[in-house]
């Protein structure tokens, strides 16, 4: 007879297993991001969100349902990063509102908790979009409710069925969002949620799992896979880490005929015999395959039975490990030999100042960008936004340290707006105003338009209006092959990304930047601002500015050092 109830101890084990599975799969989930940018970090954001909660859960020696629910809810809420992380935290928040009322939970309670989770998450998003993590969560909750209404009592059957449904809904996300289908991927946030559920289910089934958590934070990776503040011991651990299966192998199968359940199970079983870290996601036409193996040829040979292969990526993880170690060692040497280089970064932007009626917090990255914000009167700068999204807790800490009655927050990244709003909701003793700036240029425009002599409400309205008139373009490089906005993109290509999509693609950085600016422009714009990144020489940036001045003679063109990583140029037109 199957198990009919789950107690707090079992639920704690399941949650930690779900967190561990997501953490293990985060890099693969990052690669599912539609835009192939180096800071595409859905997996990282979701992993750091759930690991914040896992840290609190792991600290409970003898969990009961109340303490467990509190740890999951508060930990994920404060650790939430990025839109996907905030949504995940809201799912947990809704889920725990139900389970905290019981000592043991059964199918009916779990179904109710899933329903509450979806309701809470949808309320947190201003304009919910289908084909995302929300859709996967909603489909899972509906299946849970149907099973409960049908009288299902066996938790093993119940959990297995809702995971099947989660997989099925995830596989349909490309049909809901054409951009996913064009890129040949499923929704990355939805995939992250599925990995949490699968990890939890494995723990429920009693599978042997390593539930130890890396929560030291000493070697936290950024979106590019490099490490900040790595300690020598961490470097040594990386260097000595055993990689059992050398080749990270990924490809798509373009099915010649539908992929039935038996074929899928047989294929997964075969992959298990030659590797690990297996993910097989199938829909009617495409199968996404990921496996770590020493025999990538065998995996592809087997896959050819089901159709033709495309988007083949084989990476030598030992070489990647060695490169990462080399990078960590270089950073360690720099911090040891040249400590003065870190002085500007170590400046305490969040240091307490005297009481103010109005204060300003901005998310920024890059020495030049930070200085621009400081010169405009920003009190506190939160580092991040490109290489790493700040968490809700980072926002709360900055709010706490700023002694001001009214505090304006400029997220300067669309992926941080939800976290900023979440920090606002968690603050009761100060008036927090989030200006939903999606780019650094929008943030600069917003604060320039602040007028001390008018009310907070009037300033909020003015800022929100003015940022609508700012067009932004950003130049970076592609980390994988894909097709976006009918543009074929190859790994290593430079991309000019505008407010609504890809504007230019090519192999010449300067040419891509110039073409992007041309695509951005309209007759209404009078000022073009070019911020060049940390890898761009001033002479190189000046040449671009001269080309732009010659092309748009009626516009003022400003060139400034931004110092931002990843994005060679950030350009605004207004």
Protein backbone atom coordinates (compact mmCIF):
# COMPACT_ATOMS: atom_id res chain seq x y z
CA UNK A 1 0.00 0.00 0.00
CA UNK A 2 1.32 3.42 -0.96
CA UNK A 3 2.13 6.28 1.39
CA UNK A 4 -0.80 8.62 2.02
CA UNK A 5 0.77 11.39 4.12
CA UNK A 6 4.00 13.43 4.23
CA UNK A 7 5.34 14.75 7.53
CA UNK A 8 7.63 17.75 8.05
CA UNK A 9 10.80 15.63 8.12
CA UNK A 10 9.99 14.06 4.75
CA UNK A 11 8.95 17.40 3.22
CA UNK A 12 12.21 18.96 4.40
CA UNK A 13 14.15 16.16 2.70
CA UNK A 14 12.09 16.61 -0.49
CA UNK A 15 12.65 20.37 -0.57
CA UNK A 16 16.42 20.04 -0.13
CA UNK A 17 16.53 17.44 -2.89
CA UNK A 18 14.55 19.73 -5.20
CA UNK A 19 16.95 22.58 -4.44
CA UNK A 20 19.96 20.37 -5.04
CA UNK A 21 18.61 19.12 -8.37
CA UNK A 22 17.94 22.67 -9.56
CA UNK A 23 21.39 23.79 -8.45
CA UNK A 24 22.93 20.88 -10.35
CA UNK A 25 21.02 21.74 -13.55
CA UNK A 26 21.32 25.55 -13.39
CA UNK A 27 23.90 25.94 -16.17
CA UNK A 28 21.84 23.85 -18.55
CA UNK A 29 18.76 25.89 -17.68
CA UNK A 30 20.77 29.07 -18.36
CA UNK A 31 21.40 27.74 -21.85
CA UNK A 32 17.66 27.47 -22.49
CA UNK A 33 17.29 31.26 -22.35
CA UNK A 34 15.91 32.45 -25.68
CA UNK A 35 18.41 35.26 -26.10
CA UNK A 36 21.87 33.67 -26.31
CA UNK A 37 23.51 36.39 -24.19
CA UNK A 38 26.30 35.61 -21.73
CA UNK A 39 24.22 36.93 -18.82
CA UNK A 40 21.20 34.76 -19.58
CA UNK A 41 20.85 33.54 -16.03
CA UNK A 42 17.42 32.02 -15.35
CA UNK A 43 18.99 28.89 -13.90
CA UNK A 44 21.38 30.89 -11.73
CA UNK A 45 18.61 33.17 -10.47
CA UNK A 46 16.28 30.29 -9.61
CA UNK A 47 19.06 28.26 -8.03
CA UNK A 48 20.25 31.10 -5.79
CA UNK A 49 16.64 31.81 -4.80
CA UNK A 50 15.90 28.25 -3.72
CA UNK A 51 19.35 27.78 -2.13
CA UNK A 52 18.66 30.77 0.08
CA UNK A 53 15.62 28.91 1.39
CA UNK A 54 17.49 25.58 1.51
CA UNK A 55 20.09 27.13 3.80
CA UNK A 56 17.36 27.99 6.31
CA UNK A 57 15.65 24.62 5.94
CA UNK A 58 18.91 22.73 6.48
CA UNK A 59 19.49 24.67 9.71
CA UNK A 60 16.31 23.25 11.32
CA UNK A 61 17.35 20.25 13.40
CA UNK A 62 13.85 18.92 14.15
CA UNK A 63 11.48 20.48 11.62
CA UNK A 64 7.77 20.89 12.16
CA UNK A 65 5.45 22.11 9.45
CA UNK A 66 5.25 25.68 10.80
CA UNK A 67 9.03 26.19 11.07
CA UNK A 68 9.57 24.50 7.72
CA UNK A 69 6.97 26.66 5.97
CA UNK A 70 8.51 29.80 7.47
CA UNK A 71 12.02 28.83 6.37
CA UNK A 72 10.93 28.06 2.81
CA UNK A 73 8.83 31.19 2.47
CA UNK A 74 11.14 33.73 4.12
CA UNK A 75 14.35 32.23 2.74
CA UNK A 76 13.17 32.22 -0.86
CA UNK A 77 11.50 35.61 -0.52
CA UNK A 78 14.64 37.37 0.71
CA UNK A 79 16.95 35.48 -1.61
CA UNK A 80 14.83 35.97 -4.74
CA UNK A 81 16.82 37.07 -7.79
CA UNK A 82 15.49 37.94 -11.22
CA UNK A 83 11.93 37.54 -12.45
CA UNK A 84 12.15 33.75 -12.47
CA UNK A 85 13.49 33.72 -8.91
CA UNK A 86 10.79 36.08 -7.65
CA UNK A 87 8.06 33.97 -9.29
CA UNK A 88 9.56 30.81 -7.75
CA UNK A 89 9.59 32.49 -4.33
CA UNK A 90 5.94 33.45 -4.77
CA UNK A 91 5.03 29.87 -5.66
CA UNK A 92 6.71 28.73 -2.43
CA UNK A 93 5.01 31.53 -0.50
CA UNK A 94 1.54 30.47 -1.63
CA UNK A 95 2.32 26.77 -1.12
CA UNK A 96 3.49 27.28 2.46
CA UNK A 97 0.43 29.35 3.37
CA UNK A 98 -1.59 26.14 3.14
CA UNK A 99 0.78 23.49 4.48
CA UNK A 100 1.71 25.43 7.64
CA UNK A 101 -1.76 24.66 9.02
CA UNK A 102 -1.16 20.90 9.16
CA UNK A 103 1.14 18.44 10.91
CA UNK A 104 0.91 16.05 7.98
CA UNK A 105 -0.16 16.68 4.40
CA UNK A 106 -2.07 14.40 2.07
CA UNK A 107 -3.17 14.55 -1.57
CA UNK A 108 -6.06 16.92 -0.88
CA UNK A 109 -3.87 19.34 1.08
CA UNK A 110 -1.11 19.21 -1.52
CA UNK A 111 -3.61 19.96 -4.28
CA UNK A 112 -4.92 22.94 -2.32
CA UNK A 113 -1.35 24.14 -1.69
CA UNK A 114 -0.50 23.91 -5.41
CA UNK A 115 -3.60 25.94 -6.24
CA UNK A 116 -2.67 28.60 -3.68
CA UNK A 117 0.90 28.68 -5.03
CA UNK A 118 -0.31 29.48 -8.54
CA UNK A 119 -2.79 32.09 -7.31
CA UNK A 120 -0.06 33.88 -5.32
CA UNK A 121 2.46 33.83 -8.18
CA UNK A 122 0.01 35.14 -10.77
CA UNK A 123 -0.88 38.03 -8.47
CA UNK A 124 2.81 38.97 -8.21
CA UNK A 125 3.19 39.49 -11.96
CA UNK A 126 1.71 42.60 -13.52
CA UNK A 127 1.08 41.08 -16.97
CA UNK A 128 1.34 37.28 -16.71
CA UNK A 129 2.54 35.67 -19.92
CA UNK A 130 1.58 32.14 -20.91
CA UNK A 131 4.26 29.75 -22.08
CA UNK A 132 6.36 30.45 -19.00
CA UNK A 133 6.99 29.03 -15.52
CA UNK A 134 3.53 30.32 -14.58
CA UNK A 135 1.90 28.13 -17.22
CA UNK A 136 3.81 25.05 -16.04
CA UNK A 137 2.80 25.76 -12.45
CA UNK A 138 -0.85 26.29 -13.43
CA UNK A 139 -1.01 23.06 -15.45
CA UNK A 140 0.56 21.14 -12.58
CA UNK A 141 -1.91 22.60 -10.06
CA UNK A 142 -4.87 21.76 -12.29
CA UNK A 143 -3.73 18.15 -12.63
CA UNK A 144 -3.23 17.96 -8.86
CA UNK A 145 -6.76 19.22 -8.27
CA UNK A 146 -8.23 16.79 -10.81
CA UNK A 147 -6.51 13.85 -9.13
CA UNK A 148 -7.67 14.95 -5.68
CA UNK A 149 -11.25 15.37 -6.91
CA UNK A 150 -11.10 11.89 -8.46
CA UNK A 151 -10.29 10.47 -5.03
CA UNK A 152 -6.60 9.61 -5.50
CA UNK A 153 -4.97 8.92 -2.12
CA UNK A 154 -1.63 7.34 -3.03
CA UNK A 155 1.04 10.05 -2.92
CA UNK A 156 3.47 8.14 -5.14
CA UNK A 157 0.86 7.94 -7.89
CA UNK A 158 -0.23 11.54 -7.29
CA UNK A 159 3.27 13.02 -7.42
CA UNK A 160 4.25 10.94 -10.42
CA UNK A 161 1.19 12.10 -12.35
CA UNK A 162 1.65 15.81 -11.64
CA UNK A 163 5.30 15.62 -12.75
CA UNK A 164 4.18 13.95 -15.98
CA UNK A 165 1.78 16.85 -16.46
CA UNK A 166 4.51 19.40 -15.68
CA UNK A 167 6.70 17.81 -18.35
CA UNK A 168 3.82 17.82 -20.83
CA UNK A 169 2.96 21.47 -20.24
CA UNK A 170 6.63 22.41 -20.47
CA UNK A 171 6.90 20.63 -23.81
CA UNK A 172 4.00 22.76 -25.09
CA UNK A 173 5.55 26.11 -24.14
CA UNK A 174 7.14 26.56 -27.61
CA UNK A 175 3.64 26.44 -29.08
CA UNK A 176 2.52 29.21 -26.74
CA UNK A 177 5.52 31.49 -27.33
CA UNK A 178 6.72 31.52 -30.95
CA UNK A 179 10.09 32.92 -29.87
CA UNK A 180 10.73 29.67 -27.97
CA UNK A 181 9.82 27.56 -31.00
CA UNK A 182 12.03 29.63 -33.26
CA UNK A 183 14.96 29.17 -30.91
CA UNK A 184 14.24 25.45 -30.48
CA UNK A 185 13.95 25.54 -26.69
CA UNK A 186 11.35 25.14 -23.96
CA UNK A 187 10.82 27.85 -21.35
CA UNK A 188 13.83 28.01 -19.04
CA UNK A 189 11.87 29.04 -15.94
CA UNK A 190 9.39 26.23 -16.49
CA UNK A 191 12.28 23.79 -16.86
CA UNK A 192 13.69 25.03 -13.56
CA UNK A 193 10.39 24.36 -11.79
CA UNK A 194 10.22 20.86 -13.28
CA UNK A 195 13.72 20.10 -11.97
CA UNK A 196 12.65 21.15 -8.46
CA UNK A 197 9.65 18.83 -8.64
CA UNK A 198 11.69 15.91 -9.99
CA UNK A 199 14.33 16.26 -7.30
CA UNK A 200 11.66 16.33 -4.60
CA UNK A 201 9.96 13.26 -6.09
CA UNK A 202 13.22 11.30 -6.15
CA UNK A 203 13.67 12.02 -2.44
CA UNK A 204 10.10 10.90 -1.75
CA UNK A 205 10.84 7.61 -3.54
CA UNK A 206 13.83 7.08 -1.26
CA UNK A 207 16.53 7.42 -3.90
CA UNK A 208 20.01 7.92 -2.49
CA UNK A 209 20.89 11.58 -2.89
CA UNK A 210 23.62 13.91 -1.71
CA UNK A 211 21.68 16.57 0.20
CA UNK A 212 24.75 18.51 1.37
CA UNK A 213 24.52 22.13 0.28
CA UNK A 214 27.27 24.46 -0.91
CA UNK A 215 26.06 27.51 0.97
CA UNK A 216 29.36 29.06 1.98
CA UNK A 217 29.10 31.76 -0.65
CA UNK A 218 32.88 32.02 -0.89
CA UNK A 219 33.01 31.09 -4.53
CA UNK A 220 29.74 32.42 -5.87
CA UNK A 221 29.82 32.36 -9.63
CA UNK A 222 28.63 35.12 -11.84
CA UNK A 223 26.67 34.64 -15.04
CA UNK A 224 29.84 34.18 -17.10
CA UNK A 225 31.05 31.29 -14.98
CA UNK A 226 33.92 33.18 -13.40
CA UNK A 227 34.35 33.54 -9.67
CA UNK A 228 34.40 36.51 -7.40
CA UNK A 229 36.60 36.45 -4.34
CA UNK A 230 37.72 32.85 -4.81
CA UNK A 231 39.85 31.53 -1.99
CA UNK A 232 42.93 29.39 -2.61
CA UNK A 233 41.21 26.36 -1.09
CA UNK A 234 38.31 26.81 -3.51
CA UNK A 235 40.72 26.99 -6.44
CA UNK A 236 42.45 23.82 -5.26
CA UNK A 237 39.10 22.06 -4.90
CA UNK A 238 38.15 23.05 -8.44
CA UNK A 239 41.47 21.87 -9.80
CA UNK A 240 41.20 18.50 -8.08
CA UNK A 241 37.51 17.94 -8.78
CA UNK A 242 36.89 14.61 -10.47
CA UNK A 243 34.90 14.72 -13.69
CA UNK A 244 33.64 11.20 -14.30
CA UNK A 245 31.99 11.95 -17.62
CA UNK A 246 34.02 14.36 -19.70
CA UNK A 247 31.74 15.62 -22.48
CA UNK A 248 28.67 17.79 -21.92
CA UNK A 249 26.62 16.74 -24.94
CA UNK A 250 23.52 18.55 -26.14
CA UNK A 251 21.50 18.31 -29.30
CA UNK A 252 18.01 18.45 -30.74
CA UNK A 253 16.30 15.52 -32.43
CA UNK A 254 13.96 16.59 -35.26
CA UNK A 255 11.54 13.68 -34.97
CA UNK A 256 10.61 11.66 -38.05
CA UNK A 257 7.50 10.46 -36.17
CA UNK A 258 6.03 11.06 -32.70
CA UNK A 259 8.21 10.05 -29.74
CA UNK A 260 6.10 7.70 -27.59
CA UNK A 261 6.53 7.12 -23.85
CA UNK A 262 8.24 3.74 -24.27
CA UNK A 263 10.77 5.16 -26.73
CA UNK A 264 11.48 8.04 -24.38
CA UNK A 265 12.02 5.70 -21.40
CA UNK A 266 14.21 3.36 -23.49
CA UNK A 267 16.29 6.31 -24.71
CA UNK A 268 16.73 7.68 -21.19
CA UNK A 269 17.71 4.22 -19.93
CA UNK A 270 20.33 3.94 -22.67
CA UNK A 271 21.75 7.37 -21.87
CA UNK A 272 21.91 6.33 -18.21
CA UNK A 273 24.13 3.42 -19.21
CA UNK A 274 26.72 5.72 -20.81
CA UNK A 275 26.51 8.89 -18.67
CA UNK A 276 24.66 11.06 -16.17
CA UNK A 277 23.03 14.51 -15.85
CA UNK A 278 20.42 13.31 -18.30
CA UNK A 279 17.60 15.55 -19.44
CA UNK A 280 15.30 14.51 -22.29
CA UNK A 281 12.46 16.92 -23.08
CA UNK A 282 10.16 15.93 -25.93
CA UNK A 283 7.27 17.47 -27.80
CA UNK A 284 5.55 16.38 -31.00
CA UNK A 285 8.36 17.46 -33.31
CA UNK A 286 11.52 18.03 -31.29
CA UNK A 287 13.43 16.28 -28.50
CA UNK A 288 15.95 18.27 -26.48
CA UNK A 289 18.74 16.03 -25.18
CA UNK A 290 21.38 16.76 -22.55
CA UNK A 291 23.82 14.18 -21.19
CA UNK A 292 27.27 14.09 -19.61
CA UNK A 293 29.12 11.16 -21.19
CA UNK A 294 32.50 9.89 -22.35
CA UNK A 295 30.88 8.59 -25.56
CA UNK A 296 28.95 11.45 -27.23
CA UNK A 297 29.03 9.56 -30.53
CA UNK A 298 27.06 6.69 -29.04
CA UNK A 299 24.40 9.07 -27.69
CA UNK A 300 23.95 10.67 -31.11
CA UNK A 301 24.04 7.31 -32.91
CA UNK A 302 21.17 6.12 -30.72
CA UNK A 303 19.28 9.38 -31.26
CA UNK A 304 19.48 9.02 -35.06
CA UNK A 305 16.98 6.15 -34.78
CA UNK A 306 14.30 8.70 -33.94
CA UNK A 307 15.10 11.43 -36.45
CA UNK A 308 17.73 13.89 -37.68
CA UNK A 309 20.03 15.86 -35.38
CA UNK A 310 20.59 19.59 -35.18
CA UNK A 311 22.10 22.19 -32.81
CA UNK A 312 24.81 19.79 -31.67
CA UNK A 313 27.01 21.12 -28.86
CA UNK A 314 29.80 19.01 -27.33
CA UNK A 315 31.92 20.64 -24.62
CA UNK A 316 34.95 19.17 -22.88
CA UNK A 317 34.19 19.84 -19.22
CA UNK A 318 37.74 19.04 -18.14
CA UNK A 319 39.07 21.80 -20.39
CA UNK A 320 36.34 24.15 -19.13
CA UNK A 321 37.29 23.26 -15.56
CA UNK A 322 40.96 23.99 -16.29
CA UNK A 323 40.08 27.34 -17.89
CA UNK A 324 37.88 28.23 -14.91
CA UNK A 325 40.66 27.34 -12.50
CA UNK A 326 43.10 29.45 -14.52
CA UNK A 327 40.69 32.38 -14.40
CA UNK A 328 40.20 31.98 -10.64
CA UNK A 329 43.97 31.91 -10.09
CA UNK A 330 44.44 35.05 -12.18
CA UNK A 331 41.80 36.88 -10.15
CA UNK A 332 43.41 35.69 -6.93
CA UNK A 333 46.82 36.95 -8.06
CA UNK A 334 45.38 40.31 -9.07
CA UNK A 335 43.70 40.77 -5.72
CA UNK A 336 46.91 39.83 -3.93
CA UNK A 337 49.47 41.77 -5.99
CA UNK A 338 47.38 44.80 -6.87
CA UNK A 339 45.08 45.53 -3.92
CA UNK A 340 44.75 49.17 -4.92
CA UNK A 341 42.77 48.12 -8.00
CA UNK A 342 39.89 47.05 -5.80
CA UNK A 343 39.66 50.30 -3.87
CA UNK A 344 36.90 51.91 -6.01
CA UNK A 345 34.81 48.75 -5.84
CA UNK A 346 35.19 48.38 -2.08
CA UNK A 347 33.84 51.86 -1.48
CA UNK A 348 30.87 51.50 0.84
CA UNK A 349 28.03 53.01 -1.15
CA UNK A 350 25.63 51.84 1.49
CA UNK A 351 27.34 53.63 4.35
CA UNK A 352 24.88 55.49 6.58
CA UNK A 353 24.42 59.17 5.80
CA UNK A 354 22.49 61.86 7.63
CA UNK A 355 18.74 61.82 7.60
CA UNK A 356 17.21 62.85 4.29
CA UNK A 357 13.69 63.43 3.15
CA UNK A 358 14.37 61.67 -0.17
CA UNK A 359 17.03 59.12 -1.07
CA UNK A 360 17.99 57.19 -4.19
CA UNK A 361 19.10 53.59 -4.79
CA UNK A 362 20.30 52.44 -8.21
CA UNK A 363 21.40 49.07 -9.57
CA UNK A 364 24.53 49.57 -11.64
CA UNK A 365 27.68 47.86 -12.79
CA UNK A 366 30.90 49.22 -14.14
CA UNK A 367 33.15 51.91 -12.65
CA UNK A 368 32.05 54.56 -15.13
CA UNK A 369 28.32 53.86 -14.73
CA UNK A 370 28.66 53.93 -10.94
CA UNK A 371 30.39 57.31 -11.04
CA UNK A 372 27.66 58.74 -13.30
CA UNK A 373 24.99 57.73 -10.80
CA UNK A 374 26.99 59.11 -7.86
CA UNK A 375 27.43 62.41 -9.67
CA UNK A 376 23.65 62.60 -10.16
CA UNK A 377 23.02 62.26 -6.44
CA UNK A 378 22.41 58.53 -6.00
CA UNK A 379 23.01 57.59 -2.36
CA UNK A 380 23.42 53.83 -2.66
CA UNK A 381 24.59 51.71 -5.58
CA UNK A 382 23.85 48.01 -5.68
CA UNK A 383 26.38 46.21 -7.84
CA UNK A 384 24.81 43.86 -10.36
CA UNK A 385 22.24 43.82 -13.08
CA UNK A 386 24.35 42.22 -15.77
CA UNK A 387 26.80 39.74 -14.31
CA UNK A 388 24.56 38.99 -11.36
CA UNK A 389 21.06 40.07 -10.43
CA UNK A 390 20.85 41.46 -6.89
CA UNK A 391 18.47 39.70 -4.52
CA UNK A 392 15.50 41.10 -2.66
CA UNK A 393 17.67 40.97 0.47
CA UNK A 394 20.35 43.10 -1.22
CA UNK A 395 17.64 45.69 -1.83
CA UNK A 396 16.36 45.47 1.73
CA UNK A 397 19.87 45.96 3.13
CA UNK A 398 20.36 49.09 1.03
CA UNK A 399 16.95 50.41 2.12
CA UNK A 400 17.75 49.75 5.78
CA UNK A 401 21.08 51.61 5.62
CA UNK A 402 19.66 54.66 3.85
CA UNK A 403 18.13 57.05 6.40
CA UNK A 404 15.45 58.64 4.26
CA UNK A 405 11.66 58.96 4.49
CA UNK A 406 11.14 58.42 0.77
CA UNK A 407 13.41 56.18 -1.30
CA UNK A 408 13.39 55.90 -5.08
CA UNK A 409 14.75 52.63 -6.48
CA UNK A 410 16.00 52.36 -10.07
CA UNK A 411 16.37 48.65 -10.98
CA UNK A 412 17.82 49.47 -14.43
CA UNK A 413 17.11 45.95 -15.66
CA UNK A 414 13.72 44.43 -16.47
CA UNK A 415 14.79 41.27 -14.66
CA UNK A 416 15.20 43.13 -11.35
CA UNK A 417 11.92 45.07 -11.22
CA UNK A 418 10.00 42.28 -9.49
CA UNK A 419 12.71 41.92 -6.82
CA UNK A 420 12.58 45.68 -6.21
CA UNK A 421 8.79 45.60 -5.85
CA UNK A 422 9.12 42.65 -3.48
CA UNK A 423 11.53 44.68 -1.33
CA UNK A 424 8.99 47.51 -1.35
CA UNK A 425 6.26 45.19 -0.05
CA UNK A 426 8.56 43.98 2.74
CA UNK A 427 9.36 47.54 3.92
CA UNK A 428 6.87 49.19 6.27
CA UNK A 429 8.76 52.09 7.87
CA UNK A 430 9.78 53.95 4.68
CA UNK A 431 7.98 55.04 1.53
CA UNK A 432 9.54 53.06 -1.33
CA UNK A 433 8.97 54.16 -4.91
CA UNK A 434 10.13 51.76 -7.62
CA UNK A 435 10.68 53.43 -10.98
CA UNK A 436 10.50 50.48 -13.43
CA UNK A 437 13.65 51.35 -15.39
CA UNK A 438 14.71 48.50 -17.66
CA UNK A 439 18.12 49.84 -18.68
CA UNK A 440 20.87 52.01 -17.20
CA UNK A 441 20.14 54.86 -19.66
CA UNK A 442 16.52 54.87 -18.50
CA UNK A 443 17.75 55.10 -14.91
CA UNK A 444 20.01 58.04 -15.77
CA UNK A 445 17.14 59.83 -17.51
CA UNK A 446 14.80 59.18 -14.58
CA UNK A 447 17.06 60.69 -11.94
CA UNK A 448 18.02 63.66 -14.17
CA UNK A 449 14.32 64.52 -14.24
CA UNK A 450 13.96 64.54 -10.45
CA UNK A 451 12.73 67.94 -9.20
CA UNK A 452 13.22 68.60 -5.44
CA UNK A 453 10.50 71.24 -5.30
CA UNK A 454 7.59 68.98 -6.30
CA UNK A 455 5.95 66.10 -4.44
CA UNK A 456 7.10 62.48 -4.44
CA UNK A 457 3.97 61.49 -6.38
CA UNK A 458 4.59 64.16 -9.02
CA UNK A 459 8.23 63.10 -9.37
CA UNK A 460 7.20 59.48 -9.76
CA UNK A 461 4.80 60.42 -12.57
CA UNK A 462 7.40 62.59 -14.33
CA UNK A 463 10.11 59.92 -14.12
CA UNK A 464 7.85 57.16 -15.42
CA UNK A 465 6.79 59.37 -18.31
CA UNK A 466 10.30 60.42 -19.28
CA UNK A 467 11.77 56.90 -19.36
CA UNK A 468 9.20 56.00 -22.01
CA UNK A 469 11.00 58.35 -24.41
CA UNK A 470 14.40 56.63 -24.09
CA UNK A 471 15.45 54.04 -26.66
CA UNK A 472 18.25 51.72 -25.57
CA UNK A 473 20.59 49.44 -27.48
CA UNK A 474 23.20 47.04 -26.06
CA UNK A 475 25.97 45.20 -27.87
CA UNK A 476 27.17 41.84 -26.59
CA UNK A 477 28.16 38.45 -28.01
CA UNK A 478 26.24 35.22 -28.59
CA UNK A 479 27.07 32.19 -26.46
CA UNK A 480 25.31 29.68 -28.72
CA UNK A 481 23.74 29.24 -32.16
CA UNK A 482 20.07 30.17 -32.46
CA UNK A 483 17.45 31.91 -34.58
CA UNK A 484 15.81 35.03 -33.09
CA UNK A 485 13.62 37.63 -34.80
CA UNK A 486 14.27 35.84 -38.11
CA UNK A 487 17.99 36.49 -37.67
CA UNK A 488 20.42 33.58 -37.79
CA UNK A 489 22.91 33.92 -34.94
CA UNK A 490 26.08 31.91 -34.48
CA UNK A 491 28.14 31.42 -31.35
CA UNK A 492 30.66 34.28 -31.06
CA UNK A 493 28.65 36.70 -33.22
CA UNK A 494 28.13 40.21 -31.92
CA UNK A 495 24.51 41.21 -31.34
CA UNK A 496 22.92 44.62 -31.06
CA UNK A 497 19.85 44.22 -28.84
CA UNK A 498 17.18 46.92 -28.72
CA UNK A 499 14.19 47.41 -26.46
CA UNK A 500 12.08 44.98 -28.48
CA UNK A 501 14.54 42.50 -29.93
CA UNK A 502 17.67 41.90 -31.99
CA UNK A 503 18.55 44.90 -34.17
CA UNK A 504 21.87 43.83 -35.67
CA UNK A 505 24.05 40.72 -35.91
CA UNK A 506 27.53 40.25 -37.33
CA UNK A 507 31.18 39.40 -36.76
CA UNK A 508 32.48 43.00 -36.71
CA UNK A 509 31.86 44.71 -33.36
CA UNK A 510 31.98 48.30 -34.62
CA UNK A 511 29.76 47.53 -37.59
CA UNK A 512 27.16 45.81 -35.41
CA UNK A 513 27.15 48.74 -32.97
CA UNK A 514 26.72 51.28 -35.78
CA UNK A 515 23.96 49.26 -37.49
CA UNK A 516 22.17 48.88 -34.15
CA UNK A 517 22.19 52.65 -33.63
CA UNK A 518 20.81 53.21 -37.14
CA UNK A 519 17.98 50.80 -36.41
CA UNK A 520 17.24 52.53 -33.09
CA UNK A 521 16.96 56.01 -34.51
CA UNK A 522 13.91 58.04 -35.47
CA UNK A 523 13.34 61.70 -36.32
CA UNK A 524 12.21 62.56 -32.79
CA UNK A 525 15.56 61.82 -31.15
CA UNK A 526 17.99 64.68 -30.46
CA UNK A 527 20.62 63.12 -28.18
CA UNK A 528 22.64 59.93 -28.59
CA UNK A 529 24.70 58.74 -25.59
CA UNK A 530 27.31 56.01 -26.06
CA UNK A 531 28.72 54.22 -22.98
CA UNK A 532 31.67 51.97 -23.78
CA UNK A 533 32.54 48.90 -21.73
CA UNK A 534 35.59 47.66 -19.90
CA UNK A 535 37.13 45.87 -22.91
CA UNK A 536 36.77 48.80 -25.32
CA UNK A 537 39.63 51.26 -25.85
CA UNK A 538 38.70 54.96 -25.86
CA UNK A 539 40.13 55.38 -29.38
CA UNK A 540 37.90 52.56 -30.63
CA UNK A 541 34.84 54.10 -28.99
CA UNK A 542 35.74 57.54 -30.39
CA UNK A 543 35.75 56.13 -33.93
CA UNK A 544 32.23 54.82 -33.40
CA UNK A 545 31.09 58.18 -32.01
CA UNK A 546 32.57 59.98 -35.06
CA UNK A 547 30.70 57.66 -37.43
CA UNK A 548 27.46 58.32 -35.55
CA UNK A 549 28.00 62.10 -35.63
CA UNK A 550 28.57 61.98 -39.38
CA UNK A 551 25.42 59.88 -39.91
CA UNK A 552 23.14 61.88 -37.61
CA UNK A 553 24.29 65.48 -37.98
CA UNK A 554 21.21 66.93 -36.28
CA UNK A 555 21.84 64.98 -33.05
CA UNK A 556 24.20 65.67 -30.17
CA UNK A 557 26.44 62.66 -29.58
CA UNK A 558 27.96 62.07 -26.14
CA UNK A 559 30.67 59.49 -25.46
CA UNK A 560 31.25 58.28 -21.89
CA UNK A 561 33.19 55.48 -20.22
CA UNK A 562 30.75 53.05 -18.66
CA UNK A 563 33.20 50.32 -17.70
CA UNK A 564 30.46 47.69 -17.84
CA UNK A 565 31.39 44.05 -18.46
CA UNK A 566 29.77 41.77 -21.05
CA UNK A 567 28.16 44.62 -23.02
CA UNK A 568 30.76 46.36 -25.20
CA UNK A 569 28.47 49.30 -25.82
CA UNK A 570 25.30 50.59 -24.21
CA UNK A 571 23.62 53.29 -26.28
CA UNK A 572 20.63 55.51 -25.59
CA UNK A 573 18.69 57.81 -27.89
CA UNK A 574 16.23 60.38 -26.60
